[in-house]
Amino acid sequence: MSKFYNIKPKSEHYGCMVDLLGRAGLITEAYDYVKNMPIEPDKFICGSLLGAFSGMTLYAYAFGAEVVRMYKTLLGSSGFGKGMDLYFKRHDGQAVTCEDFFAAMRDANGADFSNFLQWYSQAGTPHLKVVSSYNAQAKTYSLKFTQEVPPTPGQPVKEPMFIPVALGLLGSNGKDMPLTSVYYDGKLETITSYDPPVHTTVLRVTKKEQEFVFNDVPERPVPSILRGYSAPVRMDSDLTDADLYFLLANDSDEFNRWEAGQVLARKLMLSLVLDFQQNNPQFVQGIKSILGDSVLDKEFIAKAITLPGMGEIMDMMEVADPDAVHAVRTFIRKQLASELKQELLNTVKNNRSSEQYEFDHPNMARRALKNTALAYLGSLEDVELTELALHEYRTATNLTEQFAALVALDQKPGKTRDEVLADFYNKWQHDFLVVNKWFALQAMSDVPGNVENVRKLLNHPAFDMRNPNKVYSLIGGFCGSPVNFHAKDGSGYKFLGEEVVQLDKINPQVASRMASAFSRWKRYDEARQSLAKAQLEMILAANGLSENVYEIASKSLAA
């Protein structure tokens, strides 16, 4: 790379190589590669190495990474490193089990992991309930944890899991309190004697019910629980909205700061389903404080100010209502954009760059933040902001920023949108991957009645029904638009039903995948259920229907 292209490798390049070795099953080679690199491993490289231990499916990939990460949370970087060294010393070149990896971590550190292997043997996600109390006289603060793993087929009764809970306590000044000692299971454990102070500790929740009492707590704190997402659990706590606003504005842990914003946004969006004219200035202020915090990583800011998706909100409703959720989410986006217009404008201007494209974290984070701010501004009906998006589109030096500007302009139907979409296609028509993104952007649009535009795109010269990726981009993309796919008049369902029948004659596998968009039809109101059911019945009645599509449609209908 250095010799032929005069490019000095960065951590992202090394991380990519580690990821490739890991995905190929060459775990030993990946580990040796990391140990012999000329640079110190950073979060990109370590993340790639941890990911190498996952299984072959996407679920196993994510789950395996989470379990391995819990070892690192419990043992720290040094202890995890010792465990890795022992693991490779014992098993280099061998076929190994999860128990082998567990034993290496345990033995290298002399650690008591008791029931940690339950993560591999018990199905289901643990539910963790947390209740707090403060004793002002004794200056103690207690957290009582109750855990439960829901029953699953074949496992009606579950044992308690080993759950590492990384935790910090925030004082009224918004700063982390130093932690001195904690009492649990009949013993007092010293955390620190103030030199240096410790602000985060890891509690080991291993029983169905367990209480931890912190000493020398001068005032009632706000707890920051599961810092860094220390365990893959679902948590319910007695944190009030005021506590969540406080964490959103002050928590030193970026994950919990993001999570507080997400919880508050979900609550706000759900409440606005009933009355989307309600506004909450505290939420706006919390987002403003994150947007203006120059110390925070820009990628984190971009994620923290992004609202939860419509699908996430609908999953929390007993009867999913796409129109209400869309109205609420649109209202909140516009409210935030309006209230924080100047801050968002400054964010766009301060994160421009005319330099050559760089694929590294600082530039990726800069682009992510700028593009998120531009998308917010694009939601407002303002000629100047449309001109701003056009300027960003025309002056972009890379595809990422040009496409982001296109996304901002795509929100409002009209001549400008049509002209820019046409210009983008003319520029990129010879790159089929970019054209797929162009199809998907238009297909997923929330512009009312977009189904007719998608029908027209089926006849576009770049679209080919025989190409699965084109189908996924256009027809699959349309199914990703809750507003138009679930349109009250049934036009979205009718479109998909017709296309599934036609596609089944060309590629039954792809057709069955498209038909799976009907699988959750009973989540919606009775009118939509009736319309979706009619299309499933129409598909099943089609002549010469393939086994692939029949299986998906019949199972969906019977669900």
Protein backbone atom coordinates (compact mmCIF):
# COMPACT_ATOMS: atom_id res chain seq x y z
CA MET A 1 0.00 0.00 0.00
CA SER A 2 2.80 2.40 0.93
CA LYS A 3 5.09 1.14 -1.84
CA PHE A 4 2.64 1.15 -4.77
CA TYR A 5 0.13 3.86 -3.82
CA ASN A 6 2.15 6.07 -1.47
CA ILE A 7 -0.63 5.79 1.14
CA LYS A 8 0.36 5.37 4.77
CA PRO A 9 -1.90 2.75 6.39
CA LYS A 10 -4.14 4.05 9.19
CA SER A 11 -5.94 2.21 11.97
CA GLU A 12 -9.05 1.86 9.78
CA HIS A 13 -7.00 -0.01 7.16
CA TYR A 14 -5.54 -2.37 9.76
CA GLY A 15 -9.01 -2.86 11.26
CA CYS A 16 -10.39 -3.77 7.83
CA MET A 17 -7.67 -6.40 7.41
CA VAL A 18 -8.41 -7.87 10.84
CA ASP A 19 -12.11 -7.97 9.96
CA LEU A 20 -11.42 -9.78 6.67
CA LEU A 21 -9.27 -12.41 8.42
CA GLY A 22 -11.90 -12.89 11.11
CA ARG A 23 -14.78 -13.27 8.64
CA ALA A 24 -12.69 -15.89 6.81
CA GLY A 25 -12.40 -17.87 10.06
CA LEU A 26 -8.65 -17.15 10.37
CA ILE A 27 -8.84 -16.16 14.04
CA THR A 28 -5.23 -16.99 14.88
CA GLU A 29 -3.96 -15.06 11.89
CA ALA A 30 -6.12 -12.07 12.87
CA TYR A 31 -4.75 -12.11 16.42
CA ASP A 32 -1.14 -12.46 15.23
CA TYR A 33 -1.70 -9.64 12.77
CA VAL A 34 -2.85 -7.35 15.61
CA LYS A 35 0.11 -8.31 17.83
CA ASN A 36 2.64 -7.59 15.07
CA MET A 37 1.21 -4.32 13.76
CA PRO A 38 3.49 -1.27 13.79
CA ILE A 39 0.79 0.79 15.57
CA GLU A 40 -1.07 0.41 18.85
CA PRO A 41 -4.52 -1.20 18.44
CA ASP A 42 -7.35 1.31 18.86
CA LYS A 43 -11.13 0.89 19.08
CA PHE A 44 -11.45 0.16 15.35
CA ILE A 45 -8.92 -2.67 15.46
CA CYS A 46 -10.11 -4.10 18.78
CA GLY A 47 -13.70 -4.02 17.54
CA SER A 48 -12.72 -5.93 14.41
CA LEU A 49 -10.87 -8.53 16.50
CA LEU A 50 -13.81 -8.98 18.87
CA GLY A 51 -16.13 -9.36 15.90
CA ALA A 52 -13.95 -12.19 14.60
CA PHE A 53 -15.17 -14.41 17.42
CA SER A 54 -18.76 -14.27 16.32
CA GLY A 55 -20.61 -16.95 14.40
CA MET A 56 -21.61 -16.97 10.76
CA THR A 57 -25.10 -15.48 11.01
CA LEU A 58 -25.87 -11.85 11.66
CA TYR A 59 -27.55 -12.73 14.96
CA ALA A 60 -24.65 -14.83 16.14
CA TYR A 61 -22.26 -12.12 15.00
CA ALA A 62 -23.97 -9.52 17.20
CA PHE A 63 -24.61 -11.84 20.14
CA GLY A 64 -21.08 -13.26 20.13
CA ALA A 65 -19.60 -9.77 20.09
CA GLU A 66 -21.77 -8.70 23.04
CA VAL A 67 -20.79 -11.72 25.15
CA VAL A 68 -17.08 -11.31 24.37
CA ARG A 69 -17.37 -7.61 25.19
CA MET A 70 -18.76 -8.51 28.64
CA TYR A 71 -15.52 -10.35 29.39
CA LYS A 72 -13.61 -7.17 28.63
CA THR A 73 -15.99 -5.12 30.80
CA LEU A 74 -15.48 -7.49 33.73
CA LEU A 75 -11.72 -7.96 33.37
CA GLY A 76 -10.58 -4.65 31.92
CA SER A 77 -8.25 -4.32 28.94
CA SER A 78 -5.28 -5.87 30.73
CA GLY A 79 -7.21 -8.83 32.09
CA PHE A 80 -8.89 -9.44 28.75
CA GLY A 81 -5.47 -9.36 27.07
CA LYS A 82 -4.14 -11.97 29.50
CA GLY A 83 -7.14 -14.16 28.78
CA MET A 84 -6.58 -13.84 25.03
CA ASP A 85 -2.91 -14.80 25.41
CA LEU A 86 -3.81 -17.91 27.40
CA TYR A 87 -6.58 -18.79 24.97
CA PHE A 88 -4.21 -18.81 22.00
CA LYS A 89 -1.50 -20.55 23.98
CA ARG A 90 -3.89 -23.38 24.79
CA HIS A 91 -5.86 -23.65 21.57
CA ASP A 92 -3.84 -22.27 18.67
CA GLY A 93 -4.86 -24.23 15.56
CA GLN A 94 -7.58 -26.17 17.36
CA ALA A 95 -11.35 -26.36 17.03
CA VAL A 96 -12.63 -24.84 20.25
CA THR A 97 -15.83 -24.25 22.20
CA CYS A 98 -17.33 -21.32 24.10
CA GLU A 99 -16.35 -23.16 27.27
CA ASP A 100 -12.69 -23.11 26.21
CA PHE A 101 -12.78 -19.35 25.76
CA PHE A 102 -14.57 -18.96 29.10
CA ALA A 103 -11.96 -21.13 30.87
CA ALA A 104 -9.08 -19.12 29.42
CA MET A 105 -10.56 -15.83 30.62
CA ARG A 106 -11.33 -17.27 34.05
CA ASP A 107 -7.99 -19.04 34.61
CA ALA A 108 -5.79 -16.21 33.33
CA ASN A 109 -7.33 -13.83 35.86
CA GLY A 110 -8.29 -16.13 38.73
CA ALA A 111 -11.81 -14.79 38.29
CA ASP A 112 -15.06 -16.17 39.68
CA PHE A 113 -17.51 -16.15 36.79
CA SER A 114 -19.93 -18.65 38.41
CA ASN A 115 -23.01 -18.62 36.15
CA PHE A 116 -21.58 -16.66 33.20
CA LEU A 117 -22.02 -19.64 30.85
CA GLN A 118 -25.78 -19.18 31.15
CA TRP A 119 -25.35 -16.62 28.34
CA TYR A 120 -24.62 -19.54 26.01
CA SER A 121 -27.11 -22.09 27.36
CA GLN A 122 -30.22 -20.00 28.06
CA ALA A 123 -32.32 -18.42 25.34
CA GLY A 124 -33.99 -15.05 25.77
CA THR A 125 -33.01 -11.54 26.76
CA PRO A 126 -32.85 -10.83 30.52
CA HIS A 127 -35.15 -8.15 31.92
CA LEU A 128 -33.48 -6.08 34.61
CA LYS A 129 -35.53 -3.94 37.00
CA VAL A 130 -33.74 -1.33 39.10
CA VAL A 131 -35.15 0.52 42.14
CA SER A 132 -33.12 3.16 43.98
CA SER A 133 -33.27 4.82 47.39
CA TYR A 134 -31.16 7.42 49.22
CA ASN A 135 -30.59 7.73 52.97
CA ALA A 136 -29.58 11.35 53.60
CA GLN A 137 -28.73 10.73 57.25
CA ALA A 138 -26.44 7.76 56.59
CA LYS A 139 -25.26 9.19 53.25
CA THR A 140 -25.87 5.87 51.54
CA TYR A 141 -27.41 5.16 48.17
CA SER A 142 -28.84 1.76 47.31
CA LEU A 143 -29.76 0.09 44.05
CA LYS A 144 -31.90 -3.04 44.15
CA PHE A 145 -31.73 -5.20 41.03
CA THR A 146 -34.31 -7.80 40.08
CA GLN A 147 -33.67 -9.95 37.03
CA GLU A 148 -35.92 -12.26 35.07
CA VAL A 149 -35.42 -14.21 31.86
CA PRO A 150 -38.75 -14.83 30.12
CA PRO A 151 -39.66 -18.48 29.38
CA THR A 152 -38.95 -19.74 25.86
CA PRO A 153 -39.89 -22.98 24.07
CA GLY A 154 -38.09 -25.84 25.78
CA GLN A 155 -36.91 -23.63 28.65
CA PRO A 156 -39.93 -22.68 30.78
CA VAL A 157 -37.81 -22.05 33.89
CA LYS A 158 -34.66 -19.91 33.73
CA GLU A 159 -31.77 -19.47 36.12
CA PRO A 160 -30.37 -16.02 37.02
CA MET A 161 -27.77 -14.67 34.59
CA PHE A 162 -24.35 -13.15 35.31
CA ILE A 163 -24.95 -9.50 34.35
CA PRO A 164 -22.09 -6.95 34.51
CA VAL A 165 -23.58 -3.53 35.25
CA ALA A 166 -21.16 -0.65 34.69
CA LEU A 167 -22.38 2.20 36.85
CA GLY A 168 -21.59 5.79 37.81
CA LEU A 169 -23.33 8.34 40.02
CA LEU A 170 -23.84 11.99 38.98
CA GLY A 171 -24.06 14.83 41.48
CA SER A 172 -26.26 17.90 41.18
CA ASN A 173 -23.39 19.74 39.46
CA GLY A 174 -23.55 17.25 36.57
CA LYS A 175 -20.17 15.75 37.42
CA ASP A 176 -19.36 12.13 38.27
CA MET A 177 -19.16 11.44 41.99
CA PRO A 178 -16.07 9.57 43.23
CA LEU A 179 -17.02 6.05 44.34
CA THR A 180 -15.44 4.81 47.57
CA SER A 181 -17.09 1.55 48.64
CA VAL A 182 -20.13 -0.64 48.04
CA TYR A 183 -21.83 -3.16 50.34
CA TYR A 184 -23.46 -6.27 48.86
CA ASP A 185 -23.95 -9.96 49.69
CA GLY A 186 -22.88 -9.36 53.28
CA LYS A 187 -19.50 -7.82 52.50
CA LEU A 188 -18.03 -4.35 52.04
CA GLU A 189 -15.91 -3.85 48.94
CA THR A 190 -13.54 -0.90 48.68
CA ILE A 191 -13.58 0.81 45.28
CA THR A 192 -11.05 3.62 45.83
CA SER A 193 -9.51 5.82 48.49
CA TYR A 194 -9.82 8.94 46.28
CA ASP A 195 -6.30 8.74 44.80
CA PRO A 196 -7.05 8.60 41.97
CA PRO A 197 -10.84 8.80 42.17
CA VAL A 198 -12.92 6.13 40.45
CA HIS A 199 -16.11 7.27 38.73
CA THR A 200 -17.32 4.02 37.16
CA THR A 201 -17.47 0.58 38.74
CA VAL A 202 -18.81 -2.74 37.49
CA LEU A 203 -21.43 -4.44 39.65
CA ARG A 204 -21.84 -8.19 39.25
CA VAL A 205 -25.54 -8.97 39.32
CA THR A 206 -25.69 -12.76 39.60
CA LYS A 207 -28.86 -13.42 41.62
CA LYS A 208 -32.57 -13.03 41.01
CA GLU A 209 -32.61 -10.20 43.55
CA GLN A 210 -29.55 -8.30 44.69
CA GLU A 211 -28.96 -5.00 46.46
CA PHE A 212 -25.86 -2.79 46.30
CA VAL A 213 -25.38 0.02 48.85
CA PHE A 214 -22.87 2.82 48.12
CA ASN A 215 -21.33 4.67 51.05
CA ASP A 216 -20.10 8.28 51.43
CA VAL A 217 -22.66 9.67 48.98
CA PRO A 218 -23.12 13.34 50.03
CA GLU A 219 -26.38 13.97 48.12
CA ARG A 220 -29.02 12.05 46.22
CA PRO A 221 -27.34 11.17 42.91
CA VAL A 222 -28.68 10.42 39.47
CA PRO A 223 -27.46 6.92 38.53
CA SER A 224 -25.90 6.21 35.14
CA ILE A 225 -26.68 2.50 34.76
CA LEU A 226 -25.31 0.06 32.14
CA ARG A 227 -22.61 2.46 31.02
CA GLY A 228 -21.22 1.60 27.62
CA TYR A 229 -24.10 -0.87 27.26
CA SER A 230 -22.20 -3.21 29.57
CA ALA A 231 -24.68 -6.07 29.12
CA PRO A 232 -27.29 -6.90 26.44
CA VAL A 233 -30.37 -6.67 28.66
CA ARG A 234 -33.68 -4.81 28.72
CA MET A 235 -33.83 -2.48 31.69
CA ASP A 236 -36.64 -0.78 33.56
CA SER A 237 -35.65 1.71 36.22
CA ASP A 238 -37.25 4.32 38.46
CA LEU A 239 -35.43 7.12 36.66
CA THR A 240 -37.79 10.07 36.28
CA ASP A 241 -38.05 12.23 33.17
CA ALA A 242 -36.12 14.89 35.09
CA ASP A 243 -33.35 12.33 35.70
CA LEU A 244 -33.27 11.44 32.01
CA TYR A 245 -33.07 15.09 30.97
CA PHE A 246 -30.20 15.47 33.44
CA LEU A 247 -28.36 12.47 31.97
CA LEU A 248 -29.00 13.71 28.43
CA ALA A 249 -27.34 17.02 29.25
CA ASN A 250 -24.54 15.85 31.58
CA ASP A 251 -23.64 12.15 31.58
CA SER A 252 -19.97 11.52 30.84
CA ASP A 253 -20.86 8.14 29.35
CA GLU A 254 -21.76 8.65 25.70
CA PHE A 255 -23.94 5.54 25.42
CA ASN A 256 -26.13 6.48 28.38
CA ARG A 257 -26.35 10.06 27.18
CA TRP A 258 -27.58 8.75 23.82
CA GLU A 259 -29.92 6.27 25.49
CA ALA A 260 -31.47 8.97 27.70
CA GLY A 261 -32.22 11.00 24.58
CA GLN A 262 -33.73 7.97 22.85
CA VAL A 263 -35.95 7.09 25.83
CA LEU A 264 -37.16 10.68 26.11
CA ALA A 265 -37.76 10.91 22.37
CA ARG A 266 -39.79 7.69 22.40
CA LYS A 267 -41.88 8.94 25.33
CA LEU A 268 -42.42 12.29 23.66
CA MET A 269 -43.33 10.76 20.31
CA LEU A 270 -45.75 8.31 21.89
CA SER A 271 -47.45 11.06 23.86
CA LEU A 272 -47.73 13.20 20.73
CA VAL A 273 -49.54 10.41 18.90
CA LEU A 274 -52.61 11.56 20.84
CA ASP A 275 -51.88 15.25 20.49
CA PHE A 276 -49.04 16.17 18.16
CA GLN A 277 -49.37 19.86 18.87
CA GLN A 278 -47.78 19.40 22.29
CA ASN A 279 -44.22 20.62 22.64
CA ASN A 280 -41.55 20.00 25.25
CA PRO A 281 -38.93 22.75 25.61
CA GLN A 282 -36.79 20.63 27.96
CA PHE A 283 -36.21 18.08 25.20
CA VAL A 284 -35.21 20.84 22.77
CA GLN A 285 -32.82 22.25 25.38
CA GLY A 286 -31.29 18.80 25.94
CA ILE A 287 -30.65 18.34 22.22
CA LYS A 288 -29.26 21.88 22.04
CA SER A 289 -26.78 21.16 24.82
CA ILE A 290 -25.47 18.10 22.95
CA LEU A 291 -25.29 19.96 19.63
CA GLY A 292 -23.23 22.74 21.22
CA ASP A 293 -20.85 20.52 23.21
CA SER A 294 -17.50 20.82 21.43
CA VAL A 295 -15.91 18.15 23.63
CA LEU A 296 -18.17 15.37 22.35
CA ASP A 297 -17.27 13.16 19.41
CA LYS A 298 -19.06 14.42 16.29
CA GLU A 299 -20.26 10.98 15.30
CA PHE A 300 -21.85 10.61 18.73
CA ILE A 301 -23.56 14.01 18.39
CA ALA A 302 -24.98 12.97 15.00
CA LYS A 303 -26.45 9.80 16.51
CA ALA A 304 -27.66 11.50 19.70
CA ILE A 305 -29.70 14.15 17.86
CA THR A 306 -31.28 11.60 15.49
CA LEU A 307 -34.86 10.69 16.38
CA PRO A 308 -35.97 7.05 16.72
CA GLY A 309 -37.37 5.60 13.51
CA MET A 310 -41.07 5.13 12.82
CA GLY A 311 -40.80 1.35 13.01
CA GLU A 312 -39.36 1.52 16.50
CA ILE A 313 -42.26 3.64 17.72
CA MET A 314 -44.91 1.50 16.01
CA ASP A 315 -43.45 -1.61 17.64
CA MET A 316 -44.29 -0.07 21.01
CA MET A 317 -47.95 0.50 20.10
CA GLU A 318 -50.68 -2.07 20.64
CA VAL A 319 -52.13 -1.15 17.24
CA ALA A 320 -49.58 0.40 14.90
CA ASP A 321 -50.72 3.69 13.34
CA PRO A 322 -48.28 4.81 10.60
CA ASP A 323 -50.12 8.07 9.87
CA ALA A 324 -50.17 9.25 13.48
CA VAL A 325 -46.54 8.29 14.10
CA HIS A 326 -45.42 9.96 10.87
CA ALA A 327 -47.30 13.15 11.76
CA VAL A 328 -45.75 13.18 15.22
CA ARG A 329 -42.21 12.43 14.05
CA THR A 330 -42.44 15.06 11.30
CA PHE A 331 -43.76 17.59 13.78
CA ILE A 332 -40.91 16.95 16.24
CA ARG A 333 -38.27 17.08 13.47
CA LYS A 334 -39.61 20.43 12.26
CA GLN A 335 -39.91 21.75 15.80
CA LEU A 336 -36.30 20.86 16.55
CA ALA A 337 -35.14 22.28 13.21
CA SER A 338 -37.05 25.51 13.83
CA GLU A 339 -35.94 25.98 17.44
CA LEU A 340 -32.31 25.08 16.68
CA LYS A 341 -32.09 26.59 13.19
CA GLN A 342 -29.08 28.78 13.91
CA GLU A 343 -27.21 26.02 15.71
CA LEU A 344 -27.88 23.64 12.82
CA LEU A 345 -26.76 26.24 10.27
CA ASN A 346 -23.54 26.75 12.21
CA THR A 347 -23.05 22.99 12.34
CA VAL A 348 -23.33 22.71 8.54
CA LYS A 349 -20.98 25.65 7.91
CA ASN A 350 -18.41 24.63 10.55
CA ASN A 351 -18.16 21.09 9.19
CA ARG A 352 -17.62 21.85 5.52
CA SER A 353 -14.36 20.79 3.96
CA SER A 354 -12.85 21.41 0.55
CA GLU A 355 -9.98 19.05 1.26
CA GLN A 356 -9.44 15.76 -0.55
CA TYR A 357 -11.72 12.94 0.65
CA GLU A 358 -10.30 11.16 3.72
CA PHE A 359 -11.61 7.86 5.04
CA ASP A 360 -10.79 8.23 8.71
CA HIS A 361 -12.81 8.69 11.88
CA PRO A 362 -12.51 12.50 12.25
CA ASN A 363 -13.68 13.09 8.67
CA MET A 364 -16.37 10.41 8.81
CA ALA A 365 -17.68 11.95 12.04
CA ARG A 366 -17.57 15.45 10.55
CA ARG A 367 -19.54 14.35 7.51
CA ALA A 368 -22.09 12.46 9.63
CA LEU A 369 -22.79 15.49 11.83
CA LYS A 370 -22.99 17.92 8.92
CA ASN A 371 -25.33 15.63 6.97
CA THR A 372 -27.62 15.09 9.96
CA ALA A 373 -27.89 18.84 10.53
CA LEU A 374 -28.60 19.42 6.83
CA ALA A 375 -31.39 16.82 6.89
CA TYR A 376 -33.05 18.65 9.79
CA LEU A 377 -32.86 21.97 7.96
CA GLY A 378 -34.25 20.34 4.82
CA SER A 379 -37.49 19.59 6.67
CA LEU A 380 -38.33 23.30 6.91
CA GLU A 381 -40.26 25.25 4.27
CA ASP A 382 -37.62 27.89 3.65
CA VAL A 383 -36.25 29.02 0.27
CA GLU A 384 -32.89 29.96 1.79
CA LEU A 385 -32.50 26.50 3.28
CA THR A 386 -33.35 24.90 -0.06
CA GLU A 387 -30.61 27.05 -1.61
CA LEU A 388 -28.26 25.90 1.16
CA ALA A 389 -28.96 22.25 0.34
CA LEU A 390 -28.44 22.97 -3.37
CA HIS A 391 -25.13 24.65 -2.59
CA GLU A 392 -24.00 21.61 -0.58
CA TYR A 393 -25.07 19.33 -3.42
CA ARG A 394 -23.21 21.31 -6.10
CA THR A 395 -20.01 21.84 -4.11
CA ALA A 396 -19.73 18.36 -2.59
CA THR A 397 -16.35 16.74 -3.23
CA ASN A 398 -17.50 13.21 -2.44
CA LEU A 399 -20.52 10.95 -2.91
CA THR A 400 -21.35 10.81 0.81
CA GLU A 401 -21.97 14.54 1.09
CA GLN A 402 -23.59 14.89 -2.31
CA PHE A 403 -26.06 12.09 -1.56
CA ALA A 404 -26.81 13.60 1.87
CA ALA A 405 -27.69 16.90 0.20
CA LEU A 406 -29.90 14.97 -2.23
CA VAL A 407 -31.66 13.35 0.74
CA ALA A 408 -32.32 16.79 2.24
CA LEU A 409 -33.78 18.03 -1.06
CA ASP A 410 -35.82 14.86 -1.56
CA GLN A 411 -38.09 15.73 1.38
CA LYS A 412 -40.08 18.34 -0.54
CA PRO A 413 -41.83 17.45 -3.83
CA GLY A 414 -41.52 19.94 -6.66
CA LYS A 415 -39.41 21.13 -9.57
CA THR A 416 -36.18 21.49 -7.57
CA ARG A 417 -36.41 17.93 -6.25
CA ASP A 418 -37.10 16.51 -9.72
CA GLU A 419 -34.24 18.42 -11.33
CA VAL A 420 -31.70 17.38 -8.70
CA LEU A 421 -32.77 13.73 -8.85
CA ALA A 422 -32.34 13.80 -12.64
CA ASP A 423 -28.95 15.51 -12.35
CA PHE A 424 -27.74 12.95 -9.81
CA TYR A 425 -28.74 10.07 -12.08
CA ASN A 426 -26.97 11.64 -15.08
CA LYS A 427 -23.78 11.96 -13.03
CA TRP A 428 -23.81 8.45 -11.57
CA GLN A 429 -25.74 6.35 -14.11
CA HIS A 430 -22.71 4.19 -14.88
CA ASP A 431 -22.23 3.12 -11.24
CA PHE A 432 -24.92 0.49 -10.60
CA LEU A 433 -24.47 0.56 -6.80
CA VAL A 434 -25.11 4.30 -6.70
CA VAL A 435 -28.10 3.89 -9.02
CA ASN A 436 -29.50 1.35 -6.55
CA LYS A 437 -29.25 3.97 -3.80
CA TRP A 438 -30.98 6.45 -6.12
CA PHE A 439 -33.86 4.03 -6.66
CA ALA A 440 -34.14 3.27 -2.93
CA LEU A 441 -34.18 6.95 -1.94
CA GLN A 442 -37.17 7.66 -4.19
CA ALA A 443 -38.94 4.43 -3.24
CA MET A 444 -38.70 5.15 0.50
CA SER A 445 -39.92 8.73 0.15
CA ASP A 446 -42.79 9.82 2.38
CA VAL A 447 -44.15 12.10 -0.36
CA PRO A 448 -47.92 11.43 -0.44
CA GLY A 449 -49.03 9.04 -3.21
CA ASN A 450 -45.47 7.97 -3.94
CA VAL A 451 -46.69 4.59 -5.20
CA GLU A 452 -47.38 6.12 -8.61
CA ASN A 453 -43.83 7.43 -8.88
CA VAL A 454 -42.53 3.96 -7.98
CA ARG A 455 -44.72 2.44 -10.71
CA LYS A 456 -43.12 4.83 -13.20
CA LEU A 457 -39.64 3.88 -11.99
CA LEU A 458 -40.40 0.23 -12.85
CA ASN A 459 -40.14 1.37 -16.47
CA HIS A 460 -36.92 3.32 -15.98
CA PRO A 461 -34.16 2.11 -18.34
CA ALA A 462 -31.86 1.41 -15.39
CA PHE A 463 -34.39 -0.86 -13.67
CA ASP A 464 -34.40 -4.58 -14.41
CA MET A 465 -36.88 -6.90 -12.71
CA ARG A 466 -34.44 -9.77 -13.32
CA ASN A 467 -31.81 -8.10 -11.14
CA PRO A 468 -32.47 -8.91 -7.45
CA ASN A 469 -30.60 -5.87 -6.15
CA LYS A 470 -32.67 -3.56 -8.33
CA VAL A 471 -35.84 -5.22 -6.97
CA TYR A 472 -34.64 -4.88 -3.37
CA SER A 473 -33.81 -1.22 -3.95
CA LEU A 474 -37.07 -0.17 -5.61
CA ILE A 475 -39.83 -2.56 -4.53
CA GLY A 476 -38.16 -3.45 -1.24
CA GLY A 477 -37.40 0.21 -0.62
CA PHE A 478 -41.06 1.09 -1.12
CA CYS A 479 -42.02 -1.47 1.55
CA GLY A 480 -39.69 0.44 3.88
CA SER A 481 -41.91 3.53 3.67
CA PRO A 482 -44.50 3.05 6.45
CA VAL A 483 -46.60 5.96 5.17
CA ASN A 484 -47.00 4.84 1.56
CA PHE A 485 -46.76 1.07 1.89
CA HIS A 486 -49.42 1.14 4.62
CA ALA A 487 -51.50 3.84 2.89
CA LYS A 488 -55.11 3.85 4.10
CA ASP A 489 -56.48 3.37 0.59
CA GLY A 490 -54.60 0.08 0.21
CA SER A 491 -52.64 1.30 -2.82
CA GLY A 492 -49.33 0.21 -1.30
CA TYR A 493 -50.56 -3.29 -0.53
CA LYS A 494 -52.12 -3.60 -4.01
CA PHE A 495 -48.85 -2.54 -5.65
CA LEU A 496 -46.81 -5.10 -3.72
CA GLY A 497 -49.34 -7.89 -4.30
CA GLU A 498 -49.27 -7.32 -8.06
CA GLU A 499 -45.47 -7.15 -8.18
CA VAL A 500 -45.03 -10.31 -6.10
CA VAL A 501 -47.21 -12.29 -8.54
CA GLN A 502 -45.27 -10.95 -11.55
CA LEU A 503 -41.88 -11.39 -9.87
CA ASP A 504 -42.71 -14.98 -8.88
CA LYS A 505 -42.59 -15.94 -12.56
CA ILE A 506 -39.04 -14.58 -12.83
CA ASN A 507 -37.41 -15.27 -9.46
CA PRO A 508 -39.46 -17.07 -6.78
CA GLN A 509 -36.79 -16.57 -4.09
CA VAL A 510 -36.79 -12.80 -4.51
CA ALA A 511 -40.58 -12.76 -4.80
CA SER A 512 -40.95 -14.63 -1.50
CA ARG A 513 -38.65 -12.13 0.17
CA MET A 514 -40.81 -9.27 -1.07
CA ALA A 515 -43.98 -11.09 0.07
CA SER A 516 -42.59 -11.22 3.61
CA ALA A 517 -43.42 -7.50 3.91
CA PHE A 518 -47.00 -8.68 4.56
CA SER A 519 -45.95 -10.87 7.51
CA ARG A 520 -46.96 -8.36 10.21
CA TRP A 521 -50.30 -7.29 8.73
CA LYS A 522 -52.18 -8.03 11.96
CA ARG A 523 -50.22 -5.31 13.78
CA TYR A 524 -52.36 -2.65 12.10
CA ASP A 525 -55.96 -1.44 12.35
CA GLU A 526 -58.87 -3.49 11.03
CA ALA A 527 -59.18 -1.53 7.78
CA ARG A 528 -55.54 -2.10 6.89
CA GLN A 529 -55.76 -5.73 7.98
CA SER A 530 -58.64 -6.28 5.58
CA LEU A 531 -56.74 -4.70 2.68
CA ALA A 532 -53.53 -6.63 3.36
CA LYS A 533 -55.44 -9.90 3.81
CA ALA A 534 -57.11 -9.42 0.43
CA GLN A 535 -53.71 -9.14 -1.25
CA LEU A 536 -52.38 -12.25 0.48
CA GLU A 537 -55.46 -14.16 -0.67
CA MET A 538 -54.98 -12.81 -4.20
CA ILE A 539 -51.36 -14.00 -4.21
CA LEU A 540 -52.34 -17.48 -2.99
CA ALA A 541 -54.99 -17.72 -5.72
CA ALA A 542 -52.51 -16.94 -8.50
CA ASN A 543 -51.98 -19.67 -11.11
CA GLY A 544 -48.66 -21.51 -11.00
CA LEU A 545 -47.59 -19.97 -7.70
CA SER A 546 -44.15 -21.14 -6.57
CA GLU A 547 -43.60 -23.07 -3.35
CA ASN A 548 -41.39 -20.23 -2.08
CA VAL A 549 -44.09 -17.58 -2.29
CA TYR A 550 -46.85 -19.99 -1.22
CA GLU A 551 -44.99 -20.77 2.00
CA ILE A 552 -44.48 -17.10 2.96
CA ALA A 553 -48.00 -15.96 1.96
CA SER A 554 -49.81 -18.87 3.61
CA LYS A 555 -47.85 -18.56 6.84
CA SER A 556 -48.45 -14.81 6.91
CA LEU A 557 -52.16 -15.32 6.38
CA ALA A 558 -52.36 -17.91 9.15
CA ALA A 559 -50.24 -15.96 11.64
